[in-house]
Amino acid sequence: MPITDPAAFLKELFGAAVAAVSPAVCVPPHLPAPPRGRTLVIGAGKAAAAMAAAVEAHWPADRPLAGVVVTRYGHGAKTQRIRVIEAAHPVPDAASEAAAGDLLAQLSGLATADLVLCLISGGGSALLALPAPGLTLADKQAINRALLKSGANIGEMNCVRKHLSAIKGGRLALAAAPARVVTLAISDVPGDDAFVIASGPTVADPTTREQALAILARYRIDVPAHVRAHLASPRCETPKPGDPRLAGGETRVIATAQQALQAAAAHARSRGVAPLLLGDNIEGESRDIALMHAAIARQIARHGEPIQRPCVILSGGETTVTVRGDGRGGRNAEFLLALAGAMDFPAWALACDTDGIDGTEDNAGAWCGPDIRQQAAARGIDPADYLDRNDGYSFFAALDKLIVTGPTHTNVNDFRAIYLPA
């Protein structure tokens, strides 16, 4: 059946991608067997509450189950045996600090026959904000804000966060001893490295305090003297790979951007559209990645290479935005705004965050068609001006092209799709 509504088709692809990585789908096949002792569920992230609900739905009713998870405000789910706390993201608040202390308190008095089931997804770094001794929540908030504006990628941000934390970088697993720890993780990071997802609270950390200091220097982030002294001290170092204290733990990455992209590709094929997957771990400045995507789409439109139309270009990963303006941004809106300025070929495009929230706004992302610049001109607005101000949200809001889904209760990061008709 031919595509008669390209915008609706792109939204179908996004829906298929999100559905494929829903906790209801990806949690049950990876649940461990109930232990001889009790089972304690802990967790953090934008998907943590939905993951907890999936555990409850598939855990034997006659086996002990309790615990607490923390998620972003508005991302909660109904649970009966596992308590859900909501806190702030992307900058932690007092509820984030209290929730981290609550999780640690749950781990006292465990035995070797007990199981700690840790449910981790993107956003956990901000949601579990327990400062290391000598640091304050205000210290972490200030550094977090600076990192978010700096253009640092998620791996760099989490390296710094781990070395300022009393709970991240494997420390949560240490607190669970001697119980067995099994971590189920939904990956929102390029490469799907478990030690990066939510700053790896139950995973050995290969990064170092020296790297954390180098990252702060690279992005010219000034920190107070007491924070620099903390990072210079060996006491802030995280447990490393090979640490025998973490030997009994197990981590399963149960949902990834690649799975979401493959689901979207399968849906495209079912509609007679050939998919071209550029990669699940694309990183870089949003506007630069947009120009790369535009160049590939232009090659297809003009020369039929490397794929014939009708086709859809798909990609995932996590772009970054170095904030220079004062607009209402979001990295997906920024990507799409830069792409719109470069689109001199017939195409429709969508860029959304799979968690339903692009940056700190209320939209998942946005979409545009081949007449986007004409529509903008008719409204007297200039895409380049909005891009200079990092104001993709306002641009697409003015043209009624925002995509608002609300929280999706999962998170495998960015989803981008460019459709080129026959």
Protein backbone atom coordinates (compact mmCIF):
# COMPACT_ATOMS: atom_id res chain seq x y z
CA MET A 1 0.00 0.00 0.00
CA PRO A 2 1.57 3.36 -1.01
CA ILE A 3 2.35 5.97 1.62
CA THR A 4 -0.29 8.67 1.29
CA ASP A 5 0.41 10.44 4.61
CA PRO A 6 4.17 10.64 5.16
CA ALA A 7 3.85 12.33 8.56
CA ALA A 8 1.55 9.58 9.84
CA PHE A 9 3.94 6.96 8.45
CA LEU A 10 6.87 8.46 10.36
CA LYS A 11 4.81 8.50 13.55
CA GLU A 12 3.98 4.81 12.96
CA LEU A 13 7.70 4.05 12.78
CA PHE A 14 8.33 5.90 16.03
CA GLY A 15 5.47 4.03 17.69
CA ALA A 16 6.84 0.68 16.51
CA ALA A 17 10.29 1.58 17.82
CA VAL A 18 9.00 2.57 21.27
CA ALA A 19 6.72 -0.47 21.56
CA ALA A 20 9.62 -2.84 20.87
CA VAL A 21 11.53 -1.60 23.93
CA SER A 22 8.60 -1.32 26.34
CA PRO A 23 9.36 -2.76 29.80
CA ALA A 24 6.25 -4.95 29.47
CA VAL A 25 7.94 -6.61 26.49
CA CYS A 26 11.61 -6.67 27.48
CA VAL A 27 11.57 -7.27 31.27
CA PRO A 28 9.72 -10.64 31.62
CA PRO A 29 12.10 -12.78 29.47
CA HIS A 30 15.07 -11.67 31.59
CA LEU A 31 13.73 -12.12 35.10
CA PRO A 32 15.91 -14.37 37.26
CA ALA A 33 14.43 -17.28 39.19
CA PRO A 34 13.21 -16.42 42.69
CA PRO A 35 15.91 -17.04 45.33
CA ARG A 36 15.74 -19.16 48.48
CA GLY A 37 15.61 -15.96 50.50
CA ARG A 38 13.80 -12.73 49.85
CA THR A 39 13.85 -10.53 46.75
CA LEU A 40 14.47 -6.81 47.05
CA VAL A 41 13.82 -4.64 43.98
CA ILE A 42 15.63 -1.31 43.65
CA GLY A 43 16.11 0.89 40.64
CA ALA A 44 16.27 4.28 39.01
CA GLY A 45 15.52 5.83 35.65
CA LYS A 46 12.74 7.11 33.46
CA ALA A 47 11.61 3.53 32.82
CA ALA A 48 12.13 2.29 36.39
CA ALA A 49 8.48 2.43 37.50
CA ALA A 50 7.22 0.63 34.40
CA MET A 51 9.98 -1.95 34.84
CA ALA A 52 8.88 -2.47 38.44
CA ALA A 53 5.28 -2.95 37.30
CA ALA A 54 6.45 -5.56 34.79
CA VAL A 55 8.35 -7.41 37.52
CA GLU A 56 5.28 -7.47 39.75
CA ALA A 57 3.08 -8.74 36.91
CA HIS A 58 5.37 -11.72 36.30
CA TRP A 59 6.71 -12.54 39.79
CA PRO A 60 5.17 -15.52 41.60
CA ALA A 61 2.47 -14.25 43.93
CA ASP A 62 3.62 -16.57 46.72
CA ARG A 63 7.27 -15.43 46.68
CA PRO A 64 8.53 -12.45 48.72
CA LEU A 65 8.92 -9.22 46.74
CA ALA A 66 9.47 -5.69 48.00
CA GLY A 67 11.57 -2.65 47.26
CA VAL A 68 11.68 0.90 45.95
CA VAL A 69 12.48 2.56 42.63
CA VAL A 70 12.83 6.22 41.67
CA THR A 71 11.68 7.76 38.40
CA ARG A 72 11.17 11.19 36.91
CA TYR A 73 8.17 13.29 37.93
CA GLY A 74 5.22 12.19 35.81
CA HIS A 75 6.80 8.86 34.79
CA GLY A 76 5.32 6.76 37.59
CA ALA A 77 3.35 3.52 37.24
CA LYS A 78 0.88 1.66 39.44
CA THR A 79 2.58 -0.90 41.65
CA GLN A 80 1.52 -2.79 44.76
CA ARG A 81 4.62 -4.40 46.26
CA ILE A 82 7.34 -2.08 44.98
CA ARG A 83 7.24 1.54 46.10
CA VAL A 84 7.73 4.27 43.46
CA ILE A 85 9.36 7.62 44.26
CA GLU A 86 9.37 10.52 41.78
CA ALA A 87 12.19 13.05 41.57
CA ALA A 88 13.73 15.62 39.24
CA HIS A 89 15.53 15.16 35.92
CA PRO A 90 17.88 16.23 34.35
CA VAL A 91 19.03 18.31 37.34
CA PRO A 92 18.58 16.47 40.67
CA ASP A 93 16.55 17.88 43.53
CA ALA A 94 16.10 17.12 47.22
CA ALA A 95 13.79 14.22 46.35
CA SER A 96 16.62 12.70 44.26
CA GLU A 97 18.95 12.84 47.26
CA ALA A 98 16.34 11.42 49.63
CA ALA A 99 15.51 8.60 47.20
CA ALA A 100 19.17 7.60 46.93
CA GLY A 101 19.41 7.43 50.70
CA ASP A 102 16.21 5.38 50.79
CA LEU A 103 17.62 2.85 48.30
CA LEU A 104 20.80 2.46 50.32
CA ALA A 105 18.80 1.94 53.51
CA GLN A 106 16.86 -0.88 51.85
CA LEU A 107 20.09 -2.85 51.40
CA SER A 108 20.92 -3.28 55.08
CA GLY A 109 20.70 -6.71 56.66
CA LEU A 110 20.72 -8.78 53.46
CA ALA A 111 21.93 -12.41 53.42
CA THR A 112 23.62 -14.60 50.83
CA ALA A 113 20.31 -16.32 50.06
CA ASP A 114 18.70 -12.99 49.11
CA LEU A 115 18.40 -11.44 45.64
CA VAL A 116 18.70 -7.74 44.82
CA LEU A 117 17.04 -7.06 41.47
CA CYS A 118 18.21 -3.67 40.21
CA LEU A 119 16.16 -1.98 37.46
CA ILE A 120 18.18 0.66 35.63
CA SER A 121 17.39 2.98 32.74
CA GLY A 122 18.43 6.35 31.40
CA GLY A 123 17.94 9.25 33.77
CA GLY A 124 19.13 7.30 36.79
CA SER A 125 22.17 9.53 37.27
CA ALA A 126 20.07 12.56 38.16
CA LEU A 127 17.41 10.56 39.97
CA LEU A 128 19.93 8.90 42.34
CA ALA A 129 21.87 11.90 43.59
CA LEU A 130 23.69 11.07 46.80
CA PRO A 131 26.76 13.32 47.07
CA ALA A 132 30.05 11.84 48.22
CA PRO A 133 31.14 12.78 51.75
CA GLY A 134 32.18 16.43 51.86
CA LEU A 135 30.04 17.43 48.88
CA THR A 136 26.53 18.86 48.76
CA LEU A 137 23.51 18.52 46.52
CA ALA A 138 24.10 22.12 45.44
CA ASP A 139 27.59 21.12 44.26
CA LYS A 140 26.16 18.33 42.14
CA GLN A 141 23.36 20.51 40.76
CA ALA A 142 25.74 23.25 39.63
CA ILE A 143 28.13 20.83 37.93
CA ASN A 144 25.25 18.95 36.32
CA ARG A 145 23.82 22.16 34.83
CA ALA A 146 27.22 23.13 33.47
CA LEU A 147 27.76 19.70 31.91
CA LEU A 148 24.32 19.77 30.27
CA LYS A 149 25.14 23.06 28.54
CA SER A 150 28.73 22.21 27.67
CA GLY A 151 28.26 19.78 24.77
CA ALA A 152 29.79 16.91 26.76
CA ASN A 153 28.52 13.48 25.73
CA ILE A 154 26.73 11.14 28.11
CA GLY A 155 29.83 9.05 28.83
CA GLU A 156 31.79 12.14 29.81
CA MET A 157 29.00 13.49 31.98
CA ASN A 158 28.59 10.19 33.78
CA CYS A 159 32.33 9.85 34.38
CA VAL A 160 32.21 13.09 36.35
CA ARG A 161 28.97 12.20 38.12
CA LYS A 162 30.32 8.84 39.32
CA HIS A 163 33.32 10.42 40.97
CA LEU A 164 31.15 12.89 42.85
CA SER A 165 28.73 10.23 44.10
CA ALA A 166 28.34 7.94 47.09
CA ILE A 167 26.13 5.52 45.16
CA LYS A 168 27.14 5.42 41.47
CA GLY A 169 29.98 3.61 39.71
CA GLY A 170 29.42 0.22 41.41
CA ARG A 171 29.01 1.54 44.94
CA LEU A 172 25.35 0.51 45.16
CA ALA A 173 26.32 -3.11 44.50
CA LEU A 174 28.94 -2.97 47.24
CA ALA A 175 26.25 -1.91 49.69
CA ALA A 176 24.12 -4.94 48.74
CA ALA A 177 26.71 -7.51 49.85
CA PRO A 178 26.47 -10.39 50.57
CA ALA A 179 23.27 -10.73 48.51
CA ARG A 180 23.34 -11.67 44.84
CA VAL A 181 22.80 -8.64 42.56
CA VAL A 182 21.14 -8.95 39.15
CA THR A 183 20.77 -5.77 37.12
CA LEU A 184 18.32 -5.37 34.24
CA ALA A 185 19.20 -2.31 32.18
CA ILE A 186 17.41 -0.46 29.40
CA SER A 187 20.19 1.31 27.53
CA ASP A 188 19.99 4.96 26.56
CA VAL A 189 23.70 5.28 25.76
CA PRO A 190 25.65 4.80 22.52
CA GLY A 191 27.49 1.49 22.69
CA ASP A 192 25.16 0.09 25.39
CA ASP A 193 27.97 -0.05 27.97
CA ALA A 194 26.43 -1.01 31.30
CA PHE A 195 28.93 1.10 33.24
CA VAL A 196 27.59 4.22 31.48
CA ILE A 197 23.83 3.57 31.76
CA ALA A 198 22.62 5.70 34.71
CA SER A 199 26.29 5.91 35.77
CA GLY A 200 26.42 2.17 36.46
CA PRO A 201 25.45 2.02 40.15
CA THR A 202 25.93 -1.77 40.26
CA VAL A 203 28.72 -2.11 37.66
CA ALA A 204 32.50 -1.83 37.96
CA ASP A 205 33.75 1.48 36.58
CA PRO A 206 36.73 1.67 34.18
CA THR A 207 36.83 5.48 34.25
CA THR A 208 39.08 7.39 36.65
CA ARG A 209 39.10 10.53 38.73
CA GLU A 210 41.90 11.85 36.47
CA GLN A 211 39.56 11.51 33.50
CA ALA A 212 36.83 13.33 35.42
CA LEU A 213 39.18 16.25 36.05
CA ALA A 214 40.26 16.25 32.40
CA ILE A 215 36.62 16.42 31.26
CA LEU A 216 35.94 19.42 33.47
CA ALA A 217 39.04 21.11 32.05
CA ARG A 218 38.12 20.23 28.44
CA TYR A 219 34.75 21.93 28.73
CA ARG A 220 36.09 24.79 30.87
CA ILE A 221 33.82 24.02 33.79
CA ASP A 222 34.98 25.77 36.93
CA VAL A 223 34.34 23.93 40.18
CA PRO A 224 34.85 25.00 43.79
CA ALA A 225 38.16 24.21 45.45
CA HIS A 226 36.63 21.56 47.73
CA VAL A 227 35.17 19.71 44.72
CA ARG A 228 38.52 19.79 42.92
CA ALA A 229 40.22 18.54 46.08
CA HIS A 230 37.71 15.68 46.26
CA LEU A 231 38.43 14.64 42.66
CA ALA A 232 42.16 14.83 43.30
CA SER A 233 41.89 12.41 46.21
CA PRO A 234 42.21 8.63 45.75
CA ARG A 235 39.30 8.25 48.16
CA CYS A 236 36.85 9.29 45.42
CA GLU A 237 37.88 6.44 43.11
CA THR A 238 35.23 3.95 42.05
CA PRO A 239 35.54 0.12 42.19
CA LYS A 240 37.27 -1.14 39.04
CA PRO A 241 36.78 -4.16 36.73
CA GLY A 242 38.14 -7.26 38.43
CA ASP A 243 37.20 -6.04 41.90
CA PRO A 244 36.36 -9.28 43.76
CA ARG A 245 33.60 -7.54 45.70
CA LEU A 246 31.58 -7.29 42.47
CA ALA A 247 32.37 -10.76 41.18
CA GLY A 248 28.96 -12.29 41.96
CA GLY A 249 26.91 -9.66 40.17
CA GLU A 250 25.21 -10.07 36.80
CA THR A 251 24.06 -7.37 34.38
CA ARG A 252 21.68 -7.91 31.48
CA VAL A 253 21.09 -5.13 28.95
CA ILE A 254 17.52 -5.96 27.96
CA ALA A 255 16.55 -3.16 25.53
CA THR A 256 18.64 -1.06 23.17
CA ALA A 257 18.38 1.53 20.41
CA GLN A 258 19.25 -1.17 17.88
CA GLN A 259 16.16 -3.17 18.87
CA ALA A 260 14.01 -0.07 18.41
CA LEU A 261 15.54 0.69 15.01
CA GLN A 262 15.08 -2.91 13.86
CA ALA A 263 11.39 -2.76 14.82
CA ALA A 264 10.96 0.46 12.85
CA ALA A 265 12.79 -1.06 9.88
CA ALA A 266 10.52 -4.10 9.94
CA HIS A 267 7.45 -1.85 9.96
CA ALA A 268 8.84 0.15 7.02
CA ARG A 269 9.37 -3.04 5.01
CA SER A 270 5.80 -4.10 5.75
CA ARG A 271 4.68 -0.83 4.13
CA GLY A 272 6.86 -1.35 1.05
CA VAL A 273 9.52 1.16 2.09
CA ALA A 274 13.19 0.15 2.14
CA PRO A 275 15.01 1.06 5.38
CA LEU A 276 18.58 2.33 5.55
CA LEU A 277 20.00 2.05 9.10
CA LEU A 278 22.86 4.48 9.63
CA GLY A 279 23.66 3.29 13.13
CA ASP A 280 22.37 3.01 16.67
CA ASN A 281 25.17 4.91 18.38
CA ILE A 282 25.54 8.19 16.50
CA GLU A 283 27.00 10.98 18.61
CA GLY A 284 28.00 14.58 17.94
CA GLU A 285 26.52 18.06 17.80
CA SER A 286 22.87 17.86 16.75
CA ARG A 287 23.26 20.39 13.95
CA ASP A 288 26.33 18.63 12.56
CA ILE A 289 24.62 15.23 12.61
CA ALA A 290 21.68 16.84 10.80
CA LEU A 291 23.93 18.00 7.97
CA MET A 292 25.38 14.50 7.66
CA HIS A 293 21.89 13.03 7.40
CA ALA A 294 20.94 15.68 4.85
CA ALA A 295 23.95 14.81 2.70
CA ILE A 296 22.98 11.13 2.64
CA ALA A 297 19.35 11.94 1.85
CA ARG A 298 20.44 14.29 -0.96
CA GLN A 299 22.59 11.55 -2.49
CA ILE A 300 19.61 9.20 -2.49
CA ALA A 301 17.25 11.84 -3.92
CA ARG A 302 19.61 12.87 -6.72
CA HIS A 303 21.49 9.69 -7.56
CA GLY A 304 19.63 6.73 -6.07
CA GLU A 305 22.62 5.82 -3.91
CA PRO A 306 23.17 3.97 -1.62
CA ILE A 307 19.51 2.89 -1.75
CA GLN A 308 16.56 3.37 -4.08
CA ARG A 309 13.41 5.29 -3.21
CA PRO A 310 10.92 4.90 -1.61
CA CYS A 311 13.09 4.54 1.46
CA VAL A 312 13.51 5.73 5.00
CA ILE A 313 16.78 6.64 6.69
CA LEU A 314 16.84 5.53 10.34
CA SER A 315 19.35 6.32 13.08
CA GLY A 316 19.69 6.31 16.85
CA GLY A 317 22.18 7.31 19.51
CA GLU A 318 22.51 10.54 21.44
CA THR A 319 23.44 13.88 19.97
CA THR A 320 24.50 16.87 22.05
CA VAL A 321 23.80 20.59 21.99
CA THR A 322 26.32 23.19 23.03
CA VAL A 323 23.94 25.83 24.36
CA ARG A 324 24.77 29.34 23.18
CA GLY A 325 21.30 30.85 22.97
CA ASP A 326 18.41 31.30 25.36
CA GLY A 327 15.73 29.37 23.45
CA ARG A 328 13.60 26.37 24.36
CA GLY A 329 15.68 23.65 22.81
CA GLY A 330 15.86 19.89 22.92
CA ARG A 331 18.49 18.03 20.92
CA ASN A 332 15.93 16.40 18.61
CA ALA A 333 14.26 19.73 17.84
CA GLU A 334 17.73 21.16 17.19
CA PHE A 335 18.58 18.28 14.84
CA LEU A 336 15.34 18.71 12.91
CA LEU A 337 15.70 22.50 12.72
CA ALA A 338 19.19 22.18 11.23
CA LEU A 339 17.93 19.50 8.85
CA ALA A 340 15.03 21.70 7.73
CA GLY A 341 17.49 24.42 6.78
CA ALA A 342 19.40 21.95 4.58
CA MET A 343 16.46 20.15 2.94
CA ASP A 344 16.58 20.96 -0.79
CA PHE A 345 15.09 17.59 -1.76
CA PRO A 346 11.60 16.07 -1.33
CA ALA A 347 11.53 14.42 2.10
CA TRP A 348 9.69 14.20 5.40
CA ALA A 349 11.58 13.83 8.68
CA LEU A 350 10.94 13.09 12.35
CA ALA A 351 13.26 13.31 15.35
CA CYS A 352 12.09 12.26 18.82
CA ASP A 353 13.41 11.03 22.14
CA THR A 354 12.07 7.57 22.91
CA ASP A 355 11.29 8.58 26.51
CA GLY A 356 8.73 11.09 25.22
CA ILE A 357 10.63 14.12 26.52
CA ASP A 358 13.06 16.09 24.32
CA GLY A 359 15.47 17.75 26.73
CA THR A 360 13.43 19.48 29.42
CA GLU A 361 10.36 20.32 27.34
CA ASP A 362 6.95 18.65 27.11
CA ASN A 363 7.34 17.21 23.60
CA ALA A 364 9.04 14.05 22.36
CA GLY A 365 10.35 15.91 19.33
CA ALA A 366 8.96 17.22 16.06
CA TRP A 367 8.46 16.51 12.36
CA CYS A 368 8.70 18.44 9.12
CA GLY A 369 7.99 18.08 5.40
CA PRO A 370 9.54 19.38 2.17
CA ASP A 371 7.63 22.67 2.41
CA ILE A 372 8.90 23.53 5.89
CA ARG A 373 10.89 26.58 4.79
CA GLN A 374 7.98 27.96 2.76
CA GLN A 375 5.70 27.49 5.78
CA ALA A 376 8.21 29.30 7.96
CA ALA A 377 8.53 32.16 5.47
CA ALA A 378 4.74 32.53 5.35
CA ARG A 379 4.80 32.97 9.15
CA GLY A 380 7.71 35.40 8.95
CA ILE A 381 10.10 33.18 10.91
CA ASP A 382 13.65 32.24 9.93
CA PRO A 383 14.99 28.74 10.77
CA ALA A 384 18.56 30.05 10.98
CA ASP A 385 17.59 32.64 13.59
CA TYR A 386 15.89 30.00 15.75
CA LEU A 387 18.89 27.69 15.36
CA ASP A 388 21.24 30.45 16.51
CA ARG A 389 19.16 30.76 19.69
CA ASN A 390 18.86 26.98 20.25
CA ASP A 391 15.10 27.47 19.97
CA GLY A 392 13.90 24.48 17.98
CA TYR A 393 10.92 23.98 20.29
CA SER A 394 9.48 27.44 19.58
CA PHE A 395 10.06 27.09 15.83
CA PHE A 396 8.13 23.85 15.51
CA ALA A 397 5.50 24.98 18.00
CA ALA A 398 4.80 27.99 15.78
CA LEU A 399 4.23 25.64 12.82
CA ASP A 400 2.20 23.11 14.84
CA LYS A 401 4.72 20.33 14.21
CA LEU A 402 5.67 19.30 17.73
CA ILE A 403 5.12 15.63 18.62
CA VAL A 404 3.68 15.28 22.12
CA THR A 405 3.34 11.72 23.42
CA GLY A 406 3.74 12.16 27.15
CA PRO A 407 6.08 9.79 29.02
CA THR A 408 6.56 6.52 27.14
CA HIS A 409 7.94 4.70 30.23
CA THR A 410 11.00 3.49 28.31
CA ASN A 411 14.18 5.16 27.09
CA VAL A 412 16.64 4.07 24.40
CA ASN A 413 17.46 7.65 23.43
CA ASP A 414 17.07 9.43 20.12
CA PHE A 415 15.08 8.14 17.14
CA ARG A 416 15.46 9.81 13.76
CA ALA A 417 13.70 8.96 10.49
CA ILE A 418 13.83 10.64 7.06
CA TYR A 419 11.34 9.40 4.44
CA LEU A 420 12.06 9.89 0.73
CA PRO A 421 9.14 9.02 -1.54
CA ALA A 422 9.45 7.28 -4.91
